[in-house]
């Protein structure tokens, strides 16, 4: 190994290049702040970027659906023009934005049709109702539209100034043996857990595309750590009328989340993913040179990364590209897949039927009202809020409602948002694999949530 100077000194300017942008990034994406939420009539925990997004939605929310319609039309029509060589963009970036495979091309066309039907309220009820297309348009996409702008522009603060190199070096001894992941993935995990799963997926996808995660690592991080925010957990618990149990509820979510994160990556399909890097890149070397400490080597890598940054113009260019990638590429996937998933959930008995095989497991776990509970077990694959709506309306048992509210969060992957985001990204996970991972998380979570719930409810 090439000999490395062990004693280094850094100037104040070098420290500043690393620390100032990184600290700003931590504040924006990870610092918990309180915000009053009229829906739950109390303060909620959020992060600054989500606070700003919420503020903007509250003030210009009425014009956002119309803007989303425009974005999805541009995405579909642009893809149509490029696909059939009517327009031939000279820019490789623009060409990559619109030149899609047949599946994603059809998805964009469907998304444009769905969003126009929902916006103008024309078409079959199962597409345009407030529980399907209009829910996706007016609730999910308006939030994502704003978050994608700020997250796209500001994610480089986490990515380009050495924070991941520093944290990754410090935490590699923890993340590798426990979760089979590089140390830098800890930042993704914190961003998802404290902020929002959509931000975690964005961060993971960007790290994969830049060659810092292998196929296996990107697949694991996006399907294992893209949790919903603490705030949304409280909304779910309130829906089942158990808001007074938030502390034991969230402890249960964290405990089961860690258990799933240890087990799921070690079984198929995630265990079968290859440690292959995009564009045949080299395996990321996380070893510590002889004579170095984890801190000194992490600091050296961080300052080297910050020193190599190309300036504010490149920073803004990368940010705009990130935001456009999400707007043009991901919003149509959420509209297309989300609307179809919610239509299946709300207008067909499919999830009730496929939930019946879980009745024996629910009975084995001695969970009260197992037949009613079975209706909620798999419906969370479409949207994680639906199980709590069903449980709040149909189930009397406090234990069963607690289990369902927890399960809907620990299942993690739902197609109306996080699942659609993963599919819309370049992360190498397909719909069938996502469903298998969802089933695995459901079975594991159901067992451990029920065991823990019996204990914590006795103490509560």
Protein backbone atom coordinates (compact mmCIF):
# COMPACT_ATOMS: atom_id res chain seq x y z
CA UNK A 1 0.00 0.00 0.00
CA UNK A 2 1.21 3.48 -0.84
CA UNK A 3 2.75 5.16 2.19
CA UNK A 4 0.63 7.94 3.61
CA UNK A 5 1.79 10.82 5.71
CA UNK A 6 0.42 10.22 9.20
CA UNK A 7 0.90 13.69 10.65
CA UNK A 8 -1.07 16.34 8.82
CA UNK A 9 -2.02 19.91 9.49
CA UNK A 10 -4.94 21.67 7.87
CA UNK A 11 -5.59 25.36 7.41
CA UNK A 12 -8.66 27.11 8.77
CA UNK A 13 -9.88 27.50 5.18
CA UNK A 14 -9.65 23.72 4.59
CA UNK A 15 -11.61 22.99 7.77
CA UNK A 16 -14.20 25.58 6.75
CA UNK A 17 -14.68 24.04 3.28
CA UNK A 18 -15.54 20.72 4.92
CA UNK A 19 -17.38 21.83 8.05
CA UNK A 20 -19.55 24.77 6.99
CA UNK A 21 -21.45 23.10 4.09
CA UNK A 22 -21.65 19.79 6.01
CA UNK A 23 -23.08 21.42 9.14
CA UNK A 24 -25.61 23.35 7.03
CA UNK A 25 -26.58 20.05 5.37
CA UNK A 26 -27.00 18.33 8.75
CA UNK A 27 -29.19 21.19 9.98
CA UNK A 28 -31.37 21.17 6.86
CA UNK A 29 -31.81 17.40 6.53
CA UNK A 30 -31.39 15.97 10.02
CA UNK A 31 -32.01 18.52 12.80
CA UNK A 32 -35.34 17.79 14.51
CA UNK A 33 -37.51 20.91 14.92
CA UNK A 34 -41.03 21.42 16.21
CA UNK A 35 -43.92 22.66 14.08
CA UNK A 36 -47.56 23.06 15.07
CA UNK A 37 -49.83 20.75 13.10
CA UNK A 38 -53.52 21.75 13.10
CA UNK A 39 -54.50 18.26 11.91
CA UNK A 40 -53.33 16.68 15.18
CA UNK A 41 -53.73 19.93 17.19
CA UNK A 42 -50.25 19.79 18.71
CA UNK A 43 -46.59 20.26 17.89
CA UNK A 44 -45.00 17.70 15.60
CA UNK A 45 -41.35 16.81 15.02
CA UNK A 46 -40.04 17.58 11.56
CA UNK A 47 -36.84 18.75 9.85
CA UNK A 48 -36.16 22.20 8.36
CA UNK A 49 -36.50 21.13 4.71
CA UNK A 50 -39.89 19.53 5.44
CA UNK A 51 -40.91 22.63 7.43
CA UNK A 52 -40.10 24.88 4.44
CA UNK A 53 -41.94 22.51 2.08
CA UNK A 54 -44.99 22.58 4.35
CA UNK A 55 -44.84 26.39 4.57
CA UNK A 56 -44.75 26.72 0.77
CA UNK A 57 -47.60 24.23 0.35
CA UNK A 58 -49.75 26.16 2.81
CA UNK A 59 -49.20 29.43 0.92
CA UNK A 60 -49.20 28.40 -2.76
CA UNK A 61 -50.75 24.94 -2.50
CA UNK A 62 -53.67 25.85 -4.73
CA UNK A 63 -51.46 26.33 -7.81
CA UNK A 64 -49.29 23.23 -7.28
CA UNK A 65 -51.69 20.64 -8.82
CA UNK A 66 -51.84 22.65 -12.05
CA UNK A 67 -48.04 22.86 -12.14
CA UNK A 68 -47.80 19.09 -11.57
CA UNK A 69 -50.11 18.52 -14.54
CA UNK A 70 -47.74 20.62 -16.65
CA UNK A 71 -44.67 18.68 -15.45
CA UNK A 72 -46.27 15.31 -16.24
CA UNK A 73 -47.34 16.53 -19.69
CA UNK A 74 -43.76 17.68 -20.39
CA UNK A 75 -42.45 14.30 -19.16
CA UNK A 76 -44.82 12.29 -21.38
CA UNK A 77 -44.77 14.48 -24.49
CA UNK A 78 -40.98 14.93 -24.26
CA UNK A 79 -40.54 11.16 -24.04
CA UNK A 80 -42.88 10.70 -27.00
CA UNK A 81 -40.95 13.16 -29.17
CA UNK A 82 -37.55 11.68 -28.27
CA UNK A 83 -38.73 8.06 -28.47
CA UNK A 84 -39.89 8.42 -32.07
CA UNK A 85 -36.94 10.63 -33.10
CA UNK A 86 -39.21 13.62 -33.77
CA UNK A 87 -36.81 15.65 -31.63
CA UNK A 88 -33.13 14.72 -31.28
CA UNK A 89 -31.60 16.50 -28.27
CA UNK A 90 -27.90 17.32 -28.59
CA UNK A 91 -27.41 17.28 -24.84
CA UNK A 92 -26.70 13.81 -23.42
CA UNK A 93 -28.37 14.86 -20.17
CA UNK A 94 -31.62 15.93 -21.87
CA UNK A 95 -31.60 12.81 -24.03
CA UNK A 96 -31.18 10.63 -20.94
CA UNK A 97 -34.04 12.49 -19.24
CA UNK A 98 -36.56 11.63 -21.97
CA UNK A 99 -35.22 8.56 -23.81
CA UNK A 100 -36.91 5.81 -21.78
CA UNK A 101 -37.35 2.04 -22.01
CA UNK A 102 -40.82 0.86 -23.15
CA UNK A 103 -42.03 0.22 -19.56
CA UNK A 104 -41.16 3.72 -18.32
CA UNK A 105 -42.37 5.31 -21.55
CA UNK A 106 -45.80 3.69 -21.08
CA UNK A 107 -45.75 4.68 -17.38
CA UNK A 108 -45.25 8.33 -18.30
CA UNK A 109 -48.08 8.24 -20.84
CA UNK A 110 -50.41 6.61 -18.29
CA UNK A 111 -49.37 9.13 -15.64
CA UNK A 112 -50.25 12.02 -17.97
CA UNK A 113 -53.66 10.47 -18.68
CA UNK A 114 -54.35 9.81 -14.97
CA UNK A 115 -53.28 13.29 -13.87
CA UNK A 116 -55.40 15.02 -16.54
CA UNK A 117 -58.42 12.90 -15.59
CA UNK A 118 -57.91 13.60 -11.88
CA UNK A 119 -57.29 17.33 -12.31
CA UNK A 120 -60.33 17.89 -14.52
CA UNK A 121 -62.38 15.22 -12.68
CA UNK A 122 -63.28 13.44 -15.90
CA UNK A 123 -63.31 9.65 -16.11
CA UNK A 124 -64.13 6.57 -14.03
CA UNK A 125 -64.46 7.02 -10.28
CA UNK A 126 -61.83 4.39 -9.49
CA UNK A 127 -59.22 6.60 -11.23
CA UNK A 128 -60.25 10.10 -10.16
CA UNK A 129 -61.71 9.62 -6.66
CA UNK A 130 -60.34 11.34 -3.56
CA UNK A 131 -58.96 7.95 -2.49
CA UNK A 132 -57.05 7.27 -5.72
CA UNK A 133 -55.96 9.73 -8.42
CA UNK A 134 -56.96 12.90 -6.61
CA UNK A 135 -55.26 11.69 -3.43
CA UNK A 136 -52.01 11.09 -5.34
CA UNK A 137 -52.25 14.44 -7.15
CA UNK A 138 -53.36 16.72 -4.32
CA UNK A 139 -51.70 15.08 -1.33
CA UNK A 140 -48.60 13.15 -2.36
CA UNK A 141 -47.37 14.87 -5.51
CA UNK A 142 -47.77 18.40 -4.14
CA UNK A 143 -45.53 17.46 -1.22
CA UNK A 144 -43.01 15.65 -3.41
CA UNK A 145 -42.88 18.49 -5.94
CA UNK A 146 -41.71 20.98 -3.32
CA UNK A 147 -39.41 18.56 -1.48
CA UNK A 148 -37.74 17.53 -4.75
CA UNK A 149 -36.85 21.16 -5.49
CA UNK A 150 -35.17 21.84 -2.16
CA UNK A 151 -33.78 18.35 -1.68
CA UNK A 152 -32.41 18.34 -5.23
CA UNK A 153 -30.75 21.71 -4.82
CA UNK A 154 -29.41 21.09 -1.32
CA UNK A 155 -28.49 17.38 -1.31
CA UNK A 156 -25.00 18.30 -2.57
CA UNK A 157 -24.35 19.74 0.90
CA UNK A 158 -24.42 16.16 2.21
CA UNK A 159 -22.78 14.60 -0.83
CA UNK A 160 -20.02 16.84 -2.07
CA UNK A 161 -18.18 18.34 0.90
CA UNK A 162 -16.84 15.29 2.75
CA UNK A 163 -19.56 14.51 5.31
CA UNK A 164 -20.20 11.01 3.95
CA UNK A 165 -16.48 10.25 3.80
CA UNK A 166 -16.00 11.37 7.42
CA UNK A 167 -19.07 9.62 8.88
CA UNK A 168 -18.50 6.56 6.70
CA UNK A 169 -14.97 6.07 7.98
CA UNK A 170 -16.04 6.47 11.62
CA UNK A 171 -18.99 4.08 11.37
CA UNK A 172 -17.67 1.37 9.02
CA UNK A 173 -16.90 -0.98 11.96
CA UNK A 174 -20.53 -0.66 13.05
CA UNK A 175 -22.44 -0.69 9.76
CA UNK A 176 -20.51 -3.50 8.01
CA UNK A 177 -20.84 -6.31 10.55
CA UNK A 178 -24.40 -5.50 11.63
CA UNK A 179 -26.10 -4.36 8.41
CA UNK A 180 -23.55 -5.48 5.74
CA UNK A 181 -23.39 -1.87 4.54
CA UNK A 182 -20.70 0.80 4.12
CA UNK A 183 -20.31 3.31 6.93
CA UNK A 184 -21.46 6.22 4.77
CA UNK A 185 -24.93 4.63 4.55
CA UNK A 186 -25.52 5.76 8.14
CA UNK A 187 -26.20 9.26 6.78
CA UNK A 188 -28.93 7.85 4.49
CA UNK A 189 -30.44 6.04 7.46
CA UNK A 190 -30.51 9.13 9.68
CA UNK A 191 -31.94 11.25 6.85
CA UNK A 192 -34.78 8.78 6.29
CA UNK A 193 -35.50 8.16 9.96
CA UNK A 194 -35.54 11.79 11.07
CA UNK A 195 -36.81 13.31 7.86
CA UNK A 196 -38.63 11.29 5.25
CA UNK A 197 -38.16 8.06 3.33
CA UNK A 198 -38.34 9.92 0.00
CA UNK A 199 -35.21 11.89 0.92
CA UNK A 200 -33.44 8.65 1.82
CA UNK A 201 -34.32 7.12 -1.56
CA UNK A 202 -33.07 10.24 -3.37
CA UNK A 203 -29.80 10.18 -1.44
CA UNK A 204 -29.31 6.45 -2.01
CA UNK A 205 -30.07 6.68 -5.73
CA UNK A 206 -27.58 9.53 -6.15
CA UNK A 207 -24.88 7.63 -4.24
CA UNK A 208 -25.48 4.53 -6.39
CA UNK A 209 -25.33 6.53 -9.62
CA UNK A 210 -22.07 8.16 -8.46
CA UNK A 211 -20.49 4.75 -7.83
CA UNK A 212 -20.37 4.81 -4.02
CA UNK A 213 -22.85 1.95 -3.47
CA UNK A 214 -22.95 -1.43 -5.15
CA UNK A 215 -26.20 -2.90 -6.53
CA UNK A 216 -26.64 -4.91 -3.33
CA UNK A 217 -25.96 -1.97 -1.03
CA UNK A 218 -28.29 0.42 -2.89
CA UNK A 219 -31.06 -2.21 -2.91
CA UNK A 220 -30.67 -2.88 0.82
CA UNK A 221 -30.55 0.76 1.89
CA UNK A 222 -33.55 1.84 -0.19
CA UNK A 223 -35.77 -1.08 0.89
CA UNK A 224 -34.61 -1.29 4.50
CA UNK A 225 -34.03 2.22 5.81
CA UNK A 226 -36.46 4.44 3.85
CA UNK A 227 -38.77 4.84 6.82
CA UNK A 228 -41.62 7.32 7.14
CA UNK A 229 -41.00 10.32 9.36
CA UNK A 230 -41.68 10.46 13.09
CA UNK A 231 -44.47 12.91 12.34
CA UNK A 232 -46.34 10.52 10.08
CA UNK A 233 -46.01 7.78 12.69
CA UNK A 234 -47.96 9.99 15.07
CA UNK A 235 -50.66 10.57 12.43
CA UNK A 236 -50.99 6.80 11.95
CA UNK A 237 -51.28 6.19 15.69
CA UNK A 238 -53.89 8.92 16.05
CA UNK A 239 -55.92 7.26 13.29
CA UNK A 240 -56.27 4.11 15.45
CA UNK A 241 -57.04 6.26 18.53
CA UNK A 242 -53.87 5.32 20.45
CA UNK A 243 -51.92 8.62 20.38
CA UNK A 244 -51.33 8.32 24.13
CA UNK A 245 -49.06 5.31 23.44
CA UNK A 246 -46.64 7.10 21.12
CA UNK A 247 -43.49 6.41 23.16
CA UNK A 248 -43.90 2.59 23.40
CA UNK A 249 -45.19 2.63 19.81
CA UNK A 250 -42.10 4.35 18.43
CA UNK A 251 -39.75 2.22 20.54
CA UNK A 252 -41.43 -0.85 19.00
CA UNK A 253 -40.99 0.55 15.48
CA UNK A 254 -37.29 1.19 16.09
CA UNK A 255 -36.68 -2.24 17.65
CA UNK A 256 -38.48 -4.15 14.88
CA UNK A 257 -36.88 -1.92 12.23
CA UNK A 258 -33.41 -2.90 13.46
CA UNK A 259 -34.34 -6.61 13.60
CA UNK A 260 -35.59 -6.50 9.99
CA UNK A 261 -32.52 -4.54 8.89
CA UNK A 262 -30.27 -7.27 10.29
CA UNK A 263 -32.20 -10.26 8.88
CA UNK A 264 -33.73 -9.19 5.54
CA UNK A 265 -30.43 -8.29 3.77
CA UNK A 266 -29.12 -11.78 4.60
CA UNK A 267 -31.91 -13.66 2.80
CA UNK A 268 -33.06 -13.62 -0.86
CA UNK A 269 -33.73 -11.56 -2.87
CA UNK A 270 -31.44 -8.96 -1.27
CA UNK A 271 -28.72 -11.49 -0.41
CA UNK A 272 -28.58 -12.50 -4.09
CA UNK A 273 -27.81 -8.99 -5.29
CA UNK A 274 -24.25 -8.58 -6.54
CA UNK A 275 -21.64 -6.21 -5.19
CA UNK A 276 -21.37 -4.77 -8.67
CA UNK A 277 -20.95 -1.05 -9.18
CA UNK A 278 -22.62 1.04 -11.84
CA UNK A 279 -20.59 1.38 -15.05
CA UNK A 280 -18.31 -1.41 -13.72
CA UNK A 281 -16.75 0.89 -11.15
CA UNK A 282 -14.25 -0.29 -8.56
CA UNK A 283 -15.18 -1.59 -5.12
CA UNK A 284 -15.10 1.20 -2.56
CA UNK A 285 -12.05 0.76 -0.31
CA UNK A 286 -13.00 1.32 3.34
CA UNK A 287 -9.76 0.02 4.85
CA UNK A 288 -7.75 2.20 7.24
CA UNK A 289 -4.05 2.60 6.31
CA UNK A 290 -1.45 1.50 8.82
CA UNK A 291 -0.69 4.17 11.39
CA UNK A 292 -4.01 5.97 10.89
CA UNK A 293 -6.92 6.23 13.32
CA UNK A 294 -10.50 6.11 12.07
CA UNK A 295 -10.84 9.80 12.95
CA UNK A 296 -7.63 10.98 11.27
CA UNK A 297 -8.29 9.00 8.10
CA UNK A 298 -11.94 10.12 7.97
CA UNK A 299 -10.88 13.76 8.38
CA UNK A 300 -8.24 13.37 5.65
CA UNK A 301 -10.80 11.90 3.22
CA UNK A 302 -13.39 14.55 4.08
CA UNK A 303 -11.06 17.50 3.58
CA UNK A 304 -9.70 15.97 0.35
CA UNK A 305 -13.28 15.65 -0.94
CA UNK A 306 -14.14 19.24 0.00
CA UNK A 307 -10.91 20.53 -1.58
CA UNK A 308 -11.88 18.87 -4.87
CA UNK A 309 -15.26 20.64 -5.09
CA UNK A 310 -15.68 22.61 -8.30
CA UNK A 311 -17.41 25.69 -6.91
CA UNK A 312 -20.83 27.28 -6.58
CA UNK A 313 -21.72 27.13 -10.29
CA UNK A 314 -21.18 23.36 -10.39
CA UNK A 315 -23.03 23.06 -7.08
CA UNK A 316 -26.11 24.80 -8.51
CA UNK A 317 -25.89 22.87 -11.79
CA UNK A 318 -25.85 19.54 -9.96
CA UNK A 319 -28.73 20.66 -7.75
CA UNK A 320 -30.92 21.69 -10.69
CA UNK A 321 -30.19 18.39 -12.45
CA UNK A 322 -31.12 16.45 -9.28
CA UNK A 323 -34.45 18.30 -9.04
CA UNK A 324 -35.26 17.85 -12.75
CA UNK A 325 -34.44 14.12 -12.56
CA UNK A 326 -36.99 13.78 -9.77
CA UNK A 327 -39.66 15.94 -11.41
CA UNK A 328 -39.46 14.44 -14.90
CA UNK A 329 -38.52 10.87 -13.92
CA UNK A 330 -40.10 10.09 -10.56
CA UNK A 331 -43.34 12.11 -10.32
CA UNK A 332 -44.89 10.19 -13.27
CA UNK A 333 -43.99 6.86 -11.64
CA UNK A 334 -45.69 7.88 -8.38
CA UNK A 335 -48.78 9.07 -10.29
CA UNK A 336 -48.96 5.97 -12.50
CA UNK A 337 -48.12 3.21 -10.03
CA UNK A 338 -49.73 4.98 -7.06
CA UNK A 339 -53.08 5.46 -8.78
CA UNK A 340 -53.21 1.84 -9.99
CA UNK A 341 -52.21 0.51 -6.55
CA UNK A 342 -54.84 2.58 -4.71
CA UNK A 343 -57.53 1.67 -7.28
CA UNK A 344 -56.82 -2.03 -6.69
CA UNK A 345 -56.87 -1.49 -2.93
CA UNK A 346 -60.07 0.58 -2.78
CA UNK A 347 -62.17 -0.95 -5.57
CA UNK A 348 -61.32 -4.66 -5.58
CA UNK A 349 -61.28 -7.39 -2.89
CA UNK A 350 -57.81 -8.59 -3.94
CA UNK A 351 -56.02 -7.61 -0.74
CA UNK A 352 -58.76 -9.10 1.45
CA UNK A 353 -58.43 -12.39 -0.45
CA UNK A 354 -54.63 -12.58 -0.40
CA UNK A 355 -54.63 -11.57 3.26
CA UNK A 356 -56.56 -14.71 4.28
CA UNK A 357 -53.46 -16.97 4.41
CA UNK A 358 -52.27 -14.78 7.29
CA UNK A 359 -55.25 -15.73 9.47
CA UNK A 360 -53.54 -18.92 10.82
CA UNK A 361 -50.44 -16.89 11.75
CA UNK A 362 -52.57 -14.24 13.46
CA UNK A 363 -54.42 -16.97 15.36
CA UNK A 364 -51.11 -18.64 16.31
CA UNK A 365 -49.94 -15.30 17.70
CA UNK A 366 -53.26 -15.14 19.62
CA UNK A 367 -54.05 -11.71 18.19
CA UNK A 368 -57.70 -10.71 18.82
CA UNK A 369 -59.99 -10.29 15.79
CA UNK A 370 -57.68 -12.16 13.37
CA UNK A 371 -60.13 -12.14 10.42
CA UNK A 372 -60.57 -8.35 10.52
CA UNK A 373 -56.81 -7.93 11.03
CA UNK A 374 -56.01 -10.10 8.00
CA UNK A 375 -57.68 -7.50 5.74
CA UNK A 376 -55.00 -4.97 6.72
CA UNK A 377 -51.89 -7.15 6.48
CA UNK A 378 -51.11 -6.79 2.78
CA UNK A 379 -53.10 -3.69 1.84
CA UNK A 380 -50.21 -1.60 3.18
CA UNK A 381 -48.33 -2.50 0.01
CA UNK A 382 -50.45 0.08 -1.82
CA UNK A 383 -50.30 2.82 0.82
CA UNK A 384 -49.13 2.63 4.42
CA UNK A 385 -52.02 4.74 5.78
CA UNK A 386 -54.81 2.41 4.57
CA UNK A 387 -54.28 -0.34 7.23
CA UNK A 388 -54.74 2.18 10.05
CA UNK A 389 -57.93 3.54 8.42
CA UNK A 390 -59.39 0.00 8.30
CA UNK A 391 -58.20 -0.82 11.82
CA UNK A 392 -59.60 2.42 13.25
CA UNK A 393 -63.00 1.73 11.70
CA UNK A 394 -63.39 -2.05 12.17
CA UNK A 395 -61.20 -3.33 15.05
CA UNK A 396 -62.02 -2.89 18.73
CA UNK A 397 -59.02 -4.65 20.31
CA UNK A 398 -56.38 -2.15 21.48
CA UNK A 399 -53.63 -4.74 21.05
CA UNK A 400 -54.64 -5.52 17.45
CA UNK A 401 -54.92 -1.83 16.55
CA UNK A 402 -51.48 -1.21 18.06
CA UNK A 403 -49.97 -4.11 16.11
CA UNK A 404 -51.52 -2.99 12.80
CA UNK A 405 -50.42 0.65 13.31
CA UNK A 406 -46.86 -0.52 14.00
CA UNK A 407 -46.84 -3.09 11.21
CA UNK A 408 -47.96 -0.53 8.61
CA UNK A 409 -44.79 1.49 9.37
CA UNK A 410 -42.30 -1.39 9.70
CA UNK A 411 -43.49 -2.89 6.38
CA UNK A 412 -41.75 0.19 4.98
CA UNK A 413 -42.34 -0.22 1.22
CA UNK A 414 -45.62 1.08 -0.18
CA UNK A 415 -46.28 1.62 -3.85
CA UNK A 416 -48.05 4.97 -3.63
CA UNK A 417 -44.74 6.65 -2.73
CA UNK A 418 -41.52 4.93 -1.56
CA UNK A 419 -41.95 1.83 -3.75
CA UNK A 420 -42.72 3.96 -6.79
CA UNK A 421 -39.71 6.18 -6.07
CA UNK A 422 -37.40 3.15 -5.91
CA UNK A 423 -38.77 1.77 -9.18
CA UNK A 424 -38.49 5.18 -10.82
CA UNK A 425 -34.82 5.47 -9.82
CA UNK A 426 -31.87 3.50 -11.21
CA UNK A 427 -31.67 1.40 -8.04
CA UNK A 428 -31.69 -2.24 -9.27
CA UNK A 429 -34.89 -3.51 -7.64
CA UNK A 430 -37.98 -4.53 -9.64
CA UNK A 431 -41.65 -4.73 -8.61
CA UNK A 432 -41.59 -8.50 -7.98
CA UNK A 433 -38.53 -8.17 -5.71
CA UNK A 434 -40.12 -5.27 -3.84
CA UNK A 435 -43.24 -7.36 -3.19
CA UNK A 436 -41.17 -10.33 -1.94
CA UNK A 437 -39.21 -8.02 0.40
CA UNK A 438 -42.52 -6.55 1.57
CA UNK A 439 -43.85 -10.05 2.39
CA UNK A 440 -40.66 -10.92 4.28
CA UNK A 441 -40.83 -7.70 6.28
CA UNK A 442 -44.53 -8.31 6.96
CA UNK A 443 -44.02 -11.81 8.40
CA UNK A 444 -40.99 -10.84 10.50
CA UNK A 445 -42.61 -7.63 11.70
CA UNK A 446 -45.89 -9.31 12.56
CA UNK A 447 -44.16 -11.84 14.81
CA UNK A 448 -41.87 -9.40 16.62
CA UNK A 449 -44.38 -6.52 16.82
CA UNK A 450 -46.97 -8.79 18.46
CA UNK A 451 -44.45 -10.12 20.99
CA UNK A 452 -43.17 -6.64 21.87
CA UNK A 453 -46.68 -5.12 21.87
CA UNK A 454 -47.94 -7.54 24.50
CA UNK A 455 -45.06 -6.50 26.74
CA UNK A 456 -45.21 -2.73 26.24
CA UNK A 457 -49.00 -2.54 26.57
CA UNK A 458 -48.78 -4.29 29.92
CA UNK A 459 -46.33 -1.62 31.07
CA UNK A 460 -48.27 1.31 29.58
